[in-house]
C-alpha atoms as a PDB file:
ATOM      1  CA  UNK A   1       0.033   0.240   0.033  1.00  0.00           C
ATOM      2  CA  UNK A   2       1.138   3.447  -1.076  1.00  0.00           C
ATOM      3  CA  UNK A   3       1.969   5.771   2.324  1.00  0.00           C
ATOM      4  CA  UNK A   4       0.653   8.628   0.190  1.00  0.00           C
ATOM      5  CA  UNK A   5      -1.382   9.925  -2.482  1.00  0.00           C
ATOM      6  CA  UNK A   6      -0.321  13.045  -4.588  1.00  0.00           C
ATOM      7  CA  UNK A   7      -3.221  15.613  -4.811  1.00  0.00           C
ATOM      8  CA  UNK A   8      -2.981  18.356  -7.141  1.00  0.00           C
ATOM      9  CA  UNK A   9      -0.110  20.353  -7.965  1.00  0.00           C
ATOM     10  CA  UNK A  10       1.645  20.448  -4.766  1.00  0.00           C
ATOM     11  CA  UNK A  11      -0.085  18.021  -1.880  1.00  0.00           C
ATOM     12  CA  UNK A  12       0.057  14.948  -0.687  1.00  0.00           C
ATOM     13  CA  UNK A  13      -2.940  13.274   1.137  1.00  0.00           C
ATOM     14  CA  UNK A  14      -1.493  10.258   3.703  1.00  0.00           C
ATOM     15  CA  UNK A  15      -3.534   7.301   3.538  1.00  0.00           C
ATOM     16  CA  UNK A  16      -2.893   6.372   7.061  1.00  0.00           C
ATOM     17  CA  UNK A  17      -3.037   8.937   9.178  1.00  0.00           C
ATOM     18  CA  UNK A  18       0.577  10.542  10.839  1.00  0.00           C
ATOM     19  CA  UNK A  19      -0.104  10.935  14.741  1.00  0.00           C
ATOM     20  CA  UNK A  20       1.654  13.614  16.792  1.00  0.00           C
ATOM     21  CA  UNK A  21       2.567  11.576  19.932  1.00  0.00           C
ATOM     22  CA  UNK A  22       3.909  14.485  21.825  1.00  0.00           C
ATOM     23  CA  UNK A  23       4.355  18.259  21.732  1.00  0.00           C
ATOM     24  CA  UNK A  24       6.425  20.591  23.981  1.00  0.00           C
ATOM     25  CA  UNK A  25       7.312  24.260  23.999  1.00  0.00           C
ATOM     26  CA  UNK A  26       9.709  26.709  25.999  1.00  0.00           C
ATOM     27  CA  UNK A  27       9.584  29.824  25.854  1.00  0.00           C
ATOM     28  CA  UNK A  28      11.179  33.338  27.142  1.00  0.00           C
ATOM     29  CA  UNK A  29       9.718  35.479  29.645  1.00  0.00           C
ATOM     30  CA  UNK A  30       8.480  38.319  27.262  1.00  0.00           C
ATOM     31  CA  UNK A  31       6.327  35.270  25.713  1.00  0.00           C
ATOM     32  CA  UNK A  32       5.239  33.739  29.430  1.00  0.00           C
ATOM     33  CA  UNK A  33       3.730  37.324  29.824  1.00  0.00           C
ATOM     34  CA  UNK A  34       1.386  37.021  26.706  1.00  0.00           C
ATOM     35  CA  UNK A  35      -1.848  35.738  26.670  1.00  0.00           C
ATOM     36  CA  UNK A  36      -0.435  32.040  26.099  1.00  0.00           C
ATOM     37  CA  UNK A  37       1.436  32.061  28.885  1.00  0.00           C
ATOM     38  CA  UNK A  38      -0.038  29.624  30.792  1.00  0.00           C
ATOM     39  CA  UNK A  39      -0.118  27.076  28.070  1.00  0.00           C
ATOM     40  CA  UNK A  40       3.745  26.759  28.000  1.00  0.00           C
ATOM     41  CA  UNK A  41       5.526  23.981  29.181  1.00  0.00           C
ATOM     42  CA  UNK A  42       8.495  26.355  30.646  1.00  0.00           C
ATOM     43  CA  UNK A  43       9.092  29.646  30.913  1.00  0.00           C
ATOM     44  CA  UNK A  44      12.664  31.008  31.186  1.00  0.00           C
ATOM     45  CA  UNK A  45      13.458  34.077  33.264  1.00  0.00           C
ATOM     46  CA  UNK A  46      16.844  34.136  31.994  1.00  0.00           C
ATOM     47  CA  UNK A  47      17.363  35.267  28.121  1.00  0.00           C
ATOM     48  CA  UNK A  48      20.873  33.556  28.119  1.00  0.00           C
ATOM     49  CA  UNK A  49      19.169  30.182  28.977  1.00  0.00           C
ATOM     50  CA  UNK A  50      22.364  29.944  31.451  1.00  0.00           C
ATOM     51  CA  UNK A  51      24.881  30.325  28.611  1.00  0.00           C
ATOM     52  CA  UNK A  52      27.222  33.118  27.837  1.00  0.00           C
ATOM     53  CA  UNK A  53      26.404  33.701  24.306  1.00  0.00           C
ATOM     54  CA  UNK A  54      23.195  34.460  22.600  1.00  0.00           C
ATOM     55  CA  UNK A  55      23.404  31.495  19.721  1.00  0.00           C
ATOM     56  CA  UNK A  56      24.455  28.966  22.629  1.00  0.00           C
ATOM     57  CA  UNK A  57      21.106  30.097  24.563  1.00  0.00           C
ATOM     58  CA  UNK A  58      19.220  29.366  21.618  1.00  0.00           C
ATOM     59  CA  UNK A  59      20.709  26.076  21.047  1.00  0.00           C
ATOM     60  CA  UNK A  60      19.853  24.911  24.893  1.00  0.00           C
ATOM     61  CA  UNK A  61      16.625  26.462  24.089  1.00  0.00           C
ATOM     62  CA  UNK A  62      16.064  24.043  21.627  1.00  0.00           C
ATOM     63  CA  UNK A  63      17.641  21.326  22.663  1.00  0.00           C
ATOM     64  CA  UNK A  64      15.806  21.419  25.851  1.00  0.00           C
ATOM     65  CA  UNK A  65      12.581  21.296  24.079  1.00  0.00           C
ATOM     66  CA  UNK A  66      13.440  18.503  22.135  1.00  0.00           C
ATOM     67  CA  UNK A  67      14.318  16.489  25.243  1.00  0.00           C
ATOM     68  CA  UNK A  68      10.862  17.374  26.771  1.00  0.00           C
ATOM     69  CA  UNK A  69       8.833  16.603  23.712  1.00  0.00           C
ATOM     70  CA  UNK A  70      10.772  13.357  23.783  1.00  0.00           C
ATOM     71  CA  UNK A  71      10.084  12.506  27.533  1.00  0.00           C
ATOM     72  CA  UNK A  72       6.286  13.825  27.378  1.00  0.00           C
ATOM     73  CA  UNK A  73       5.813  10.704  24.273  1.00  0.00           C
ATOM     74  CA  UNK A  74       7.368   8.414  27.349  1.00  0.00           C
ATOM     75  CA  UNK A  75      10.466   7.903  24.790  1.00  0.00           C
ATOM     76  CA  UNK A  76      13.835   8.017  25.109  1.00  0.00           C
ATOM     77  CA  UNK A  77      16.368   9.622  22.707  1.00  0.00           C
ATOM     78  CA  UNK A  78      17.787   6.107  21.163  1.00  0.00           C
ATOM     79  CA  UNK A  79      13.870   5.615  20.334  1.00  0.00           C
ATOM     80  CA  UNK A  80      14.087   8.766  17.758  1.00  0.00           C
ATOM     81  CA  UNK A  81      14.755   7.688  14.635  1.00  0.00           C
ATOM     82  CA  UNK A  82      15.651  11.007  13.044  1.00  0.00           C
ATOM     83  CA  UNK A  83      14.974  14.702  13.687  1.00  0.00           C
ATOM     84  CA  UNK A  84      14.374  17.441  11.365  1.00  0.00           C
ATOM     85  CA  UNK A  85      14.890  20.854  12.901  1.00  0.00           C
ATOM     86  CA  UNK A  86      16.007  24.105  12.182  1.00  0.00           C
ATOM     87  CA  UNK A  87      15.988  27.863  12.921  1.00  0.00           C
ATOM     88  CA  UNK A  88      16.979  31.616  11.738  1.00  0.00           C
ATOM     89  CA  UNK A  89      20.757  31.565  12.032  1.00  0.00           C
ATOM     90  CA  UNK A  90      23.547  31.130   8.972  1.00  0.00           C
ATOM     91  CA  UNK A  91      24.330  27.536   8.291  1.00  0.00           C
ATOM     92  CA  UNK A  92      21.275  26.504  11.079  1.00  0.00           C
ATOM     93  CA  UNK A  93      23.808  26.665  14.121  1.00  0.00           C
ATOM     94  CA  UNK A  94      21.237  26.930  16.868  1.00  0.00           C
ATOM     95  CA  UNK A  95      19.788  23.571  16.307  1.00  0.00           C
ATOM     96  CA  UNK A  96      23.103  21.798  14.830  1.00  0.00           C
ATOM     97  CA  UNK A  97      24.648  22.895  18.290  1.00  0.00           C
ATOM     98  CA  UNK A  98      21.992  22.066  20.242  1.00  0.00           C
ATOM     99  CA  UNK A  99      20.771  18.804  18.753  1.00  0.00           C
ATOM    100  CA  UNK A 100      24.361  17.360  18.166  1.00  0.00           C
ATOM    101  CA  UNK A 101      23.977  16.539  21.823  1.00  0.00           C
ATOM    102  CA  UNK A 102      20.906  14.147  21.459  1.00  0.00           C
ATOM    103  CA  UNK A 103      23.309  11.142  19.355  1.00  0.00           C
ATOM    104  CA  UNK A 104      19.838  11.348  17.037  1.00  0.00           C
ATOM    105  CA  UNK A 105      20.630  11.255  13.489  1.00  0.00           C
ATOM    106  CA  UNK A 106      19.605  14.959  12.149  1.00  0.00           C
ATOM    107  CA  UNK A 107      18.522  16.842   9.127  1.00  0.00           C
ATOM    108  CA  UNK A 108      19.020  21.028   9.601  1.00  0.00           C
ATOM    109  CA  UNK A 109      16.020  22.987   7.740  1.00  0.00           C
ATOM    110  CA  UNK A 110      15.660  26.432   6.540  1.00  0.00           C
ATOM    111  CA  UNK A 111      12.590  27.478   5.985  1.00  0.00           C
ATOM    112  CA  UNK A 112      13.092  30.754   7.912  1.00  0.00           C
ATOM    113  CA  UNK A 113       9.824  31.357   9.858  1.00  0.00           C
ATOM    114  CA  UNK A 114       7.845  28.596   8.096  1.00  0.00           C
ATOM    115  CA  UNK A 115      10.618  25.876   9.385  1.00  0.00           C
ATOM    116  CA  UNK A 116       8.140  24.233  11.458  1.00  0.00           C
ATOM    117  CA  UNK A 117       5.624  23.549   8.819  1.00  0.00           C
ATOM    118  CA  UNK A 118       8.515  22.093   6.477  1.00  0.00           C
ATOM    119  CA  UNK A 119      10.015  19.976   9.641  1.00  0.00           C
ATOM    120  CA  UNK A 120       6.296  18.270   9.692  1.00  0.00           C
ATOM    121  CA  UNK A 121       6.270  18.257   6.249  1.00  0.00           C
ATOM    122  CA  UNK A 122       9.352  16.039   5.796  1.00  0.00           C
ATOM    123  CA  UNK A 123       8.644  14.480   8.980  1.00  0.00           C
ATOM    124  CA  UNK A 124       4.974  13.148   8.409  1.00  0.00           C
ATOM    125  CA  UNK A 125       6.134  11.490   4.929  1.00  0.00           C
ATOM    126  CA  UNK A 126       9.157   9.330   6.547  1.00  0.00           C
ATOM    127  CA  UNK A 127       6.935   8.386   9.141  1.00  0.00           C
ATOM    128  CA  UNK A 128       4.152   7.504   6.645  1.00  0.00           C
ATOM    129  CA  UNK A 129       6.528   6.161   4.457  1.00  0.00           C
ATOM    130  CA  UNK A 130       7.742   3.712   7.427  1.00  0.00           C
ATOM    131  CA  UNK A 131      11.466   5.126   7.380  1.00  0.00           C
ATOM    132  CA  UNK A 132      10.783   5.860  11.517  1.00  0.00           C
ATOM    133  CA  UNK A 133       8.837   4.761  14.282  1.00  0.00           C
ATOM    134  CA  UNK A 134       9.329   7.921  16.017  1.00  0.00           C
ATOM    135  CA  UNK A 135      10.450  11.068  14.443  1.00  0.00           C
ATOM    136  CA  UNK A 136      10.973  14.359  16.071  1.00  0.00           C
ATOM    137  CA  UNK A 137      10.294  17.961  14.343  1.00  0.00           C
ATOM    138  CA  UNK A 138      11.427  20.971  15.963  1.00  0.00           C
ATOM    139  CA  UNK A 139      12.323  24.949  15.293  1.00  0.00           C
ATOM    140  CA  UNK A 140      13.444  27.877  17.468  1.00  0.00           C
ATOM    141  CA  UNK A 141      13.943  31.449  17.362  1.00  0.00           C
ATOM    142  CA  UNK A 142      15.716  34.084  19.787  1.00  0.00           C
ATOM    143  CA  UNK A 143      14.739  37.734  19.847  1.00  0.00           C
ATOM    144  CA  UNK A 144      18.560  38.747  20.369  1.00  0.00           C
ATOM    145  CA  UNK A 145      20.024  36.154  17.874  1.00  0.00           C
ATOM    146  CA  UNK A 146      17.807  37.124  14.838  1.00  0.00           C
ATOM    147  CA  UNK A 147      18.397  41.215  15.699  1.00  0.00           C
ATOM    148  CA  UNK A 148      22.312  39.650  15.619  1.00  0.00           C
ATOM    149  CA  UNK A 149      21.994  38.149  12.738  1.00  0.00           C
ATOM    150  CA  UNK A 150      19.527  40.266  10.027  1.00  0.00           C
ATOM    151  CA  UNK A 151      19.442  43.799  11.756  1.00  0.00           C
ATOM    152  CA  UNK A 152      21.445  45.887  14.716  1.00  0.00           C
ATOM    153  CA  UNK A 153      23.066  44.711  17.765  1.00  0.00           C
ATOM    154  CA  UNK A 154      20.942  45.076  20.481  1.00  0.00           C
ATOM    155  CA  UNK A 155      23.338  48.056  21.926  1.00  0.00           C
ATOM    156  CA  UNK A 156      22.680  50.112  18.856  1.00  0.00           C
ATOM    157  CA  UNK A 157      18.773  50.987  20.009  1.00  0.00           C
ATOM    158  CA  UNK A 158      17.575  51.923  16.822  1.00  0.00           C
ATOM    159  CA  UNK A 159      13.592  52.283  16.461  1.00  0.00           C
ATOM    160  CA  UNK A 160      11.456  50.172  14.834  1.00  0.00           C
ATOM    161  CA  UNK A 161       8.816  50.738  12.236  1.00  0.00           C
ATOM    162  CA  UNK A 162       5.356  49.908  13.206  1.00  0.00           C
ATOM    163  CA  UNK A 163       5.632  47.381  10.368  1.00  0.00           C
ATOM    164  CA  UNK A 164       7.955  45.513  12.369  1.00  0.00           C
ATOM    165  CA  UNK A 165       7.502  42.039  14.369  1.00  0.00           C
ATOM    166  CA  UNK A 166       9.294  40.873  17.461  1.00  0.00           C
ATOM    167  CA  UNK A 167      10.515  37.848  16.895  1.00  0.00           C
ATOM    168  CA  UNK A 168       9.654  35.360  19.498  1.00  0.00           C
ATOM    169  CA  UNK A 169      12.206  33.517  22.023  1.00  0.00           C
ATOM    170  CA  UNK A 170      10.951  30.148  21.923  1.00  0.00           C
ATOM    171  CA  UNK A 171      10.814  26.470  20.400  1.00  0.00           C
ATOM    172  CA  UNK A 172       8.609  24.122  19.790  1.00  0.00           C
ATOM    173  CA  UNK A 173       9.254  20.411  19.198  1.00  0.00           C
ATOM    174  CA  UNK A 174       6.493  17.214  18.210  1.00  0.00           C
ATOM    175  CA  UNK A 175       7.298  13.683  17.982  1.00  0.00           C
ATOM    176  CA  UNK A 176       5.590  11.868  15.054  1.00  0.00           C
ATOM    177  CA  UNK A 177       4.855   8.303  14.598  1.00  0.00           C
ATOM    178  CA  UNK A 178       2.462   5.807  13.325  1.00  0.00           C
ATOM    179  CA  UNK A 179       0.934   4.518  16.167  1.00  0.00           C
ATOM    180  CA  UNK A 180      -1.620   6.627  18.655  1.00  0.00           C
ATOM    181  CA  UNK A 181      -0.297   8.308  21.685  1.00  0.00           C
ATOM    182  CA  UNK A 182       0.057   6.321  24.597  1.00  0.00           C
ATOM    183  CA  UNK A 183      -3.134   6.278  27.041  1.00  0.00           C
ATOM    184  CA  UNK A 184      -2.290   8.012  30.488  1.00  0.00           C
ATOM    185  CA  UNK A 185      -4.301   9.747  32.876  1.00  0.00           C
ATOM    186  CA  UNK A 186      -6.942  11.938  31.802  1.00  0.00           C
ATOM    187  CA  UNK A 187      -5.506  14.996  33.411  1.00  0.00           C
ATOM    188  CA  UNK A 188      -2.320  14.689  32.380  1.00  0.00           C
ATOM    189  CA  UNK A 189      -0.906  16.763  29.662  1.00  0.00           C
ATOM    190  CA  UNK A 190       2.101  14.682  29.102  1.00  0.00           C
ATOM    191  CA  UNK A 191       0.567  13.206  25.571  1.00  0.00           C
ATOM    192  CA  UNK A 192      -0.794  14.301  22.868  1.00  0.00           C
ATOM    193  CA  UNK A 193      -4.074  12.111  23.718  1.00  0.00           C
ATOM    194  CA  UNK A 194      -7.165  13.919  25.552  1.00  0.00           C
ATOM    195  CA  UNK A 195     -10.240  12.043  26.566  1.00  0.00           C
ATOM    196  CA  UNK A 196      -9.737   8.972  24.043  1.00  0.00           C
ATOM    197  CA  UNK A 197      -8.849  11.667  21.322  1.00  0.00           C
ATOM    198  CA  UNK A 198      -5.640  12.495  19.594  1.00  0.00           C
ATOM    199  CA  UNK A 199      -4.104  15.241  16.806  1.00  0.00           C
ATOM    200  CA  UNK A 200      -3.098  13.359  13.415  1.00  0.00           C
ATOM    201  CA  UNK A 201      -1.640  14.751  10.161  1.00  0.00           C
ATOM    202  CA  UNK A 202      -3.808  13.630   7.085  1.00  0.00           C
ATOM    203  CA  UNK A 203      -2.296  15.892   4.433  1.00  0.00           C
ATOM    204  CA  UNK A 204       0.335  18.432   3.317  1.00  0.00           C
ATOM    205  CA  UNK A 205       0.827  21.076   0.486  1.00  0.00           C
ATOM    206  CA  UNK A 206       4.249  22.093  -0.111  1.00  0.00           C
ATOM    207  CA  UNK A 207       5.049  25.655  -0.993  1.00  0.00           C
ATOM    208  CA  UNK A 208       6.264  27.642  -3.584  1.00  0.00           C
ATOM    209  CA  UNK A 209       8.963  30.290  -3.206  1.00  0.00           C
ATOM    210  CA  UNK A 210       6.798  33.127  -3.964  1.00  0.00           C
ATOM    211  CA  UNK A 211       8.333  36.830  -4.827  1.00  0.00           C
ATOM    212  CA  UNK A 212       6.345  40.002  -4.989  1.00  0.00           C
ATOM    213  CA  UNK A 213       9.517  42.421  -4.996  1.00  0.00           C
ATOM    214  CA  UNK A 214       9.122  43.253  -1.576  1.00  0.00           C
ATOM    215  CA  UNK A 215      12.795  44.734   0.017  1.00  0.00           C
ATOM    216  CA  UNK A 216      11.665  45.858   3.268  1.00  0.00           C
ATOM    217  CA  UNK A 217      13.433  43.522   6.195  1.00  0.00           C
ATOM    218  CA  UNK A 218      11.269  45.456   8.848  1.00  0.00           C
ATOM    219  CA  UNK A 219       8.185  44.268   7.259  1.00  0.00           C
ATOM    220  CA  UNK A 220       7.973  40.607   7.313  1.00  0.00           C
ATOM    221  CA  UNK A 221       4.326  40.301   6.935  1.00  0.00           C
ATOM    222  CA  UNK A 222       4.510  42.120   3.691  1.00  0.00           C
ATOM    223  CA  UNK A 223       7.095  39.943   2.194  1.00  0.00           C
ATOM    224  CA  UNK A 224       5.458  36.571   3.460  1.00  0.00           C
ATOM    225  CA  UNK A 225       1.659  37.159   2.797  1.00  0.00           C
ATOM    226  CA  UNK A 226       1.806  36.187  -0.741  1.00  0.00           C
ATOM    227  CA  UNK A 227       3.279  33.337   0.045  1.00  0.00           C
ATOM    228  CA  UNK A 228       0.712  32.156   2.875  1.00  0.00           C
ATOM    229  CA  UNK A 229      -1.918  33.276   0.087  1.00  0.00           C
ATOM    230  CA  UNK A 230      -0.505  31.136  -2.989  1.00  0.00           C
ATOM    231  CA  UNK A 231       0.019  28.004  -0.229  1.00  0.00           C
ATOM    232  CA  UNK A 232      -3.902  28.339   1.243  1.00  0.00           C
ATOM    233  CA  UNK A 233      -5.147  29.009  -2.463  1.00  0.00           C
ATOM    234  CA  UNK A 234      -3.388  25.711  -3.256  1.00  0.00           C
ATOM    235  CA  UNK A 235      -4.312  23.465  -0.734  1.00  0.00           C
ATOM    236  CA  UNK A 236      -7.913  24.320  -1.463  1.00  0.00           C
ATOM    237  CA  UNK A 237      -7.735  23.794  -4.942  1.00  0.00           C
ATOM    238  CA  UNK A 238      -5.820  20.411  -4.534  1.00  0.00           C
ATOM    239  CA  UNK A 239      -7.837  18.770  -2.118  1.00  0.00           C
ATOM    240  CA  UNK A 240     -11.200  20.341  -3.461  1.00  0.00           C
ATOM    241  CA  UNK A 241     -11.932  22.015  -0.124  1.00  0.00           C
ATOM    242  CA  UNK A 242     -13.338  25.323   0.976  1.00  0.00           C
ATOM    243  CA  UNK A 243     -12.780  27.625   3.690  1.00  0.00           C
ATOM    244  CA  UNK A 244     -15.803  25.500   5.584  1.00  0.00           C
ATOM    245  CA  UNK A 245     -14.054  22.216   5.193  1.00  0.00           C
ATOM    246  CA  UNK A 246     -11.618  23.775   8.141  1.00  0.00           C
ATOM    247  CA  UNK A 247     -12.605  24.738  11.387  1.00  0.00           C
ATOM    248  CA  UNK A 248      -9.839  26.869  12.043  1.00  0.00           C
ATOM    249  CA  UNK A 249      -6.264  28.162   9.126  1.00  0.00           C
ATOM    250  CA  UNK A 250      -3.370  29.606  11.521  1.00  0.00           C
ATOM    251  CA  UNK A 251      -0.696  31.548   9.878  1.00  0.00           C
ATOM    252  CA  UNK A 252       2.245  31.233  11.370  1.00  0.00           C
ATOM    253  CA  UNK A 253       3.611  35.160  11.973  1.00  0.00           C
ATOM    254  CA  UNK A 254       2.340  37.448   9.408  1.00  0.00           C
ATOM    255  CA  UNK A 255       0.992  40.057  12.022  1.00  0.00           C
ATOM    256  CA  UNK A 256      -1.222  42.742  11.620  1.00  0.00           C
ATOM    257  CA  UNK A 257      -0.267  43.904   8.278  1.00  0.00           C
ATOM    258  CA  UNK A 258       0.843  40.689   6.865  1.00  0.00           C
ATOM    259  CA  UNK A 259      -2.469  39.459   7.835  1.00  0.00           C
ATOM    260  CA  UNK A 260      -4.652  42.166   6.376  1.00  0.00           C
ATOM    261  CA  UNK A 261      -2.622  41.722   3.003  1.00  0.00           C
ATOM    262  CA  UNK A 262      -3.145  37.745   2.556  1.00  0.00           C
ATOM    263  CA  UNK A 263      -7.012  38.743   3.461  1.00  0.00           C
ATOM    264  CA  UNK A 264      -7.196  40.822   0.557  1.00  0.00           C
ATOM    265  CA  UNK A 265      -4.999  38.709  -1.797  1.00  0.00           C
ATOM    266  CA  UNK A 266      -7.604  35.629  -0.915  1.00  0.00           C
ATOM    267  CA  UNK A 267     -10.354  37.883  -1.369  1.00  0.00           C
ATOM    268  CA  UNK A 268      -9.317  38.837  -5.163  1.00  0.00           C
ATOM    269  CA  UNK A 269      -9.752  34.749  -5.916  1.00  0.00           C
ATOM    270  CA  UNK A 270     -13.292  35.231  -4.081  1.00  0.00           C
ATOM    271  CA  UNK A 271     -11.674  33.253  -1.127  1.00  0.00           C
ATOM    272  CA  UNK A 272     -12.922  34.462   2.506  1.00  0.00           C
ATOM    273  CA  UNK A 273     -11.422  33.214   5.560  1.00  0.00           C
ATOM    274  CA  UNK A 274     -11.795  36.394   7.783  1.00  0.00           C
ATOM    275  CA  UNK A 275     -13.901  34.189  10.515  1.00  0.00           C
ATOM    276  CA  UNK A 276     -11.526  31.240  10.519  1.00  0.00           C
ATOM    277  CA  UNK A 277      -8.272  32.714  10.323  1.00  0.00           C
ATOM    278  CA  UNK A 278      -5.865  32.843  13.088  1.00  0.00           C
ATOM    279  CA  UNK A 279      -1.777  34.131  13.144  1.00  0.00           C
ATOM    280  CA  UNK A 280       0.347  32.720  15.537  1.00  0.00           C
ATOM    281  CA  UNK A 281       2.352  35.862  15.805  1.00  0.00           C
ATOM    282  CA  UNK A 282      -1.210  37.574  16.574  1.00  0.00           C
ATOM    283  CA  UNK A 283      -1.657  34.807  19.616  1.00  0.00           C
ATOM    284  CA  UNK A 284       1.208  34.938  21.109  1.00  0.00           C
ATOM    285  CA  UNK A 285       1.355  38.508  22.436  1.00  0.00           C
ATOM    286  CA  UNK A 286      -0.837  41.122  23.556  1.00  0.00           C
ATOM    287  CA  UNK A 287      -0.171  44.283  21.313  1.00  0.00           C
ATOM    288  CA  UNK A 288      -1.798  46.308  23.607  1.00  0.00           C
ATOM    289  CA  UNK A 289      -0.162  46.138  26.537  1.00  0.00           C
ATOM    290  CA  UNK A 290       3.533  44.517  25.137  1.00  0.00           C
ATOM    291  CA  UNK A 291       4.362  46.748  22.294  1.00  0.00           C
ATOM    292  CA  UNK A 292       5.617  44.519  19.833  1.00  0.00           C
ATOM    293  CA  UNK A 293       4.229  46.815  16.813  1.00  0.00           C
ATOM    294  CA  UNK A 294       3.001  44.243  14.355  1.00  0.00           C
ATOM    295  CA  UNK A 295       3.058  40.918  16.185  1.00  0.00           C
ATOM    296  CA  UNK A 296       5.619  38.277  16.506  1.00  0.00           C
ATOM    297  CA  UNK A 297       7.796  36.445  14.112  1.00  0.00           C
ATOM    298  CA  UNK A 298      10.668  33.736  14.095  1.00  0.00           C
ATOM    299  CA  UNK A 299      10.373  30.039  14.072  1.00  0.00           C
ATOM    300  CA  UNK A 300       9.856  29.679  17.641  1.00  0.00           C
ATOM    301  CA  UNK A 301       6.192  31.736  16.991  1.00  0.00           C
ATOM    302  CA  UNK A 302       4.340  29.267  15.187  1.00  0.00           C
ATOM    303  CA  UNK A 303       6.263  26.216  16.791  1.00  0.00           C
ATOM    304  CA  UNK A 304       5.395  27.112  20.348  1.00  0.00           C
ATOM    305  CA  UNK A 305       2.150  28.049  19.404  1.00  0.00           C
ATOM    306  CA  UNK A 306       1.329  25.083  17.634  1.00  0.00           C
ATOM    307  CA  UNK A 307       2.702  22.646  20.612  1.00  0.00           C
ATOM    308  CA  UNK A 308       1.105  24.373  23.400  1.00  0.00           C
ATOM    309  CA  UNK A 309      -2.086  26.152  21.904  1.00  0.00           C
ATOM    310  CA  UNK A 310      -3.161  24.638  18.494  1.00  0.00           C
ATOM    311  CA  UNK A 311      -2.747  20.668  19.099  1.00  0.00           C
ATOM    312  CA  UNK A 312      -4.060  20.462  22.481  1.00  0.00           C
ATOM    313  CA  UNK A 313      -7.372  21.655  21.156  1.00  0.00           C
ATOM    314  CA  UNK A 314      -7.280  19.715  18.033  1.00  0.00           C
ATOM    315  CA  UNK A 315      -6.756  16.417  20.131  1.00  0.00           C
ATOM    316  CA  UNK A 316      -9.424  17.461  22.568  1.00  0.00           C
ATOM    317  CA  UNK A 317     -11.908  17.762  19.520  1.00  0.00           C
ATOM    318  CA  UNK A 318     -12.368  21.967  19.808  1.00  0.00           C
ATOM    319  CA  UNK A 319     -11.285  21.844  16.205  1.00  0.00           C
ATOM    320  CA  UNK A 320     -11.934  18.814  14.019  1.00  0.00           C
ATOM    321  CA  UNK A 321      -9.723  19.940  11.112  1.00  0.00           C
ATOM    322  CA  UNK A 322      -7.188  22.817  10.711  1.00  0.00           C
ATOM    323  CA  UNK A 323      -4.838  24.062   8.286  1.00  0.00           C
ATOM    324  CA  UNK A 324      -1.681  25.149   9.974  1.00  0.00           C
ATOM    325  CA  UNK A 325       0.356  27.518   7.444  1.00  0.00           C
ATOM    326  CA  UNK A 326       3.667  29.106   9.136  1.00  0.00           C
ATOM    327  CA  UNK A 327       5.357  31.851   6.864  1.00  0.00           C
ATOM    328  CA  UNK A 328       9.116  32.247   6.143  1.00  0.00           C
ATOM    329  CA  UNK A 329      10.741  35.358   4.464  1.00  0.00           C
ATOM    330  CA  UNK A 330      14.015  33.840   2.550  1.00  0.00           C
ATOM    331  CA  UNK A 331      16.550  36.507   3.199  1.00  0.00           C
ATOM    332  CA  UNK A 332      20.155  36.570   4.006  1.00  0.00           C
ATOM    333  CA  UNK A 333      22.399  39.246   5.015  1.00  0.00           C
ATOM    334  CA  UNK A 334      23.964  38.950   1.684  1.00  0.00           C
ATOM    335  CA  UNK A 335      20.908  38.895  -0.269  1.00  0.00           C
ATOM    336  CA  UNK A 336      19.345  41.689   1.722  1.00  0.00           C
ATOM    337  CA  UNK A 337      22.683  43.983   1.722  1.00  0.00           C
ATOM    338  CA  UNK A 338      23.106  43.678  -2.296  1.00  0.00           C
ATOM    339  CA  UNK A 339      19.252  45.030  -2.736  1.00  0.00           C
ATOM    340  CA  UNK A 340      17.517  41.941  -3.399  1.00  0.00           C
ATOM    341  CA  UNK A 341      13.934  41.122  -2.966  1.00  0.00           C
ATOM    342  CA  UNK A 342      12.841  39.000   0.083  1.00  0.00           C
ATOM    343  CA  UNK A 343      10.870  35.889  -1.550  1.00  0.00           C
ATOM    344  CA  UNK A 344       8.337  34.021   0.851  1.00  0.00           C
ATOM    345  CA  UNK A 345       7.285  30.654   1.232  1.00  0.00           C
ATOM    346  CA  UNK A 346       4.726  28.720   3.062  1.00  0.00           C
ATOM    347  CA  UNK A 347       4.141  25.031   4.327  1.00  0.00           C
ATOM    348  CA  UNK A 348       0.487  24.287   5.106  1.00  0.00           C
ATOM    349  CA  UNK A 349      -0.226  21.019   7.255  1.00  0.00           C
ATOM    350  CA  UNK A 350      -3.290  19.222   7.663  1.00  0.00           C
ATOM    351  CA  UNK A 351      -3.925  18.300  11.058  1.00  0.00           C
ATOM    352  CA  UNK A 352      -7.405  16.353  12.663  1.00  0.00           C
ATOM    353  CA  UNK A 353      -8.803  15.087  15.317  1.00  0.00           C
ATOM    354  CA  UNK A 354      -9.023  11.416  15.745  1.00  0.00           C
ATOM    355  CA  UNK A 355     -11.126   9.539  18.162  1.00  0.00           C
ATOM    356  CA  UNK A 356      -9.378   6.786  19.822  1.00  0.00           C
END
């Protein structure tokens, strides 16, 4: 039997669902002070996570989140067949330096802020094909490392325009497999099994590089919204669905400006998702009190919100089917300084509730 069936131009439906066995999230204090603070597994008051550099801090952040997800699934690192993980830094050093300590076969990914969608897509394909009983998917970001990598040193103290998003200090990780999560106490949150229900991945839509010519690195929402539009439209077209077939559509980190651009672009295609659209960058912070301007962004934004908020609600049955569409801006220091435009990409993952 084939593990999956290609649909349309860019989608795959899995003939057997890929189970999300566990999910874990760790964030910084600013994220912990936001609306979802009580849902994260751990909140660190130390932005350096006990390390001497920001990069080492993010490596520790992602490593601890990975170990936490493995433990919540009732597994050991040796039980994990492979890891798909990434971050925003050059050569994905936060992931490679952190994951190295796990001793698990590792694939390093760079999809910018869409990396968790990329990791889940590849992990689900590998699990569905039988290449591993347990596969870990993870992503992270850190405000200080991202500012240092793409913008200015923190000590520079530059003003940020209202279009700017705040890079989330956080990480999310999930363990995927082809068997349901282990049964535990109904009150336990150490598994993705709630009241005899769980969350499964039933399909994916791989994104395409989309470039509308934007060059403003402080307007990530504007750069990524066209890619989100492209992937959402492709998902609906490939599977023959309408927005009403989803209880919610979550984009990664478009923020206020990117969200409005996305809604306008989809409206031009006669697609209206206003009543079901949610953006992780708008969920993780309270813009009225936390002064993040347009919202949150970073690989860790959608990854942490997925693990802490979205997946538990799907497992409980609050949402029966959702579309998770993290978005990424594919720039580098070199491309930006050479005046190149900032293309975007978005990967969609169909996640559904299953009764057990």
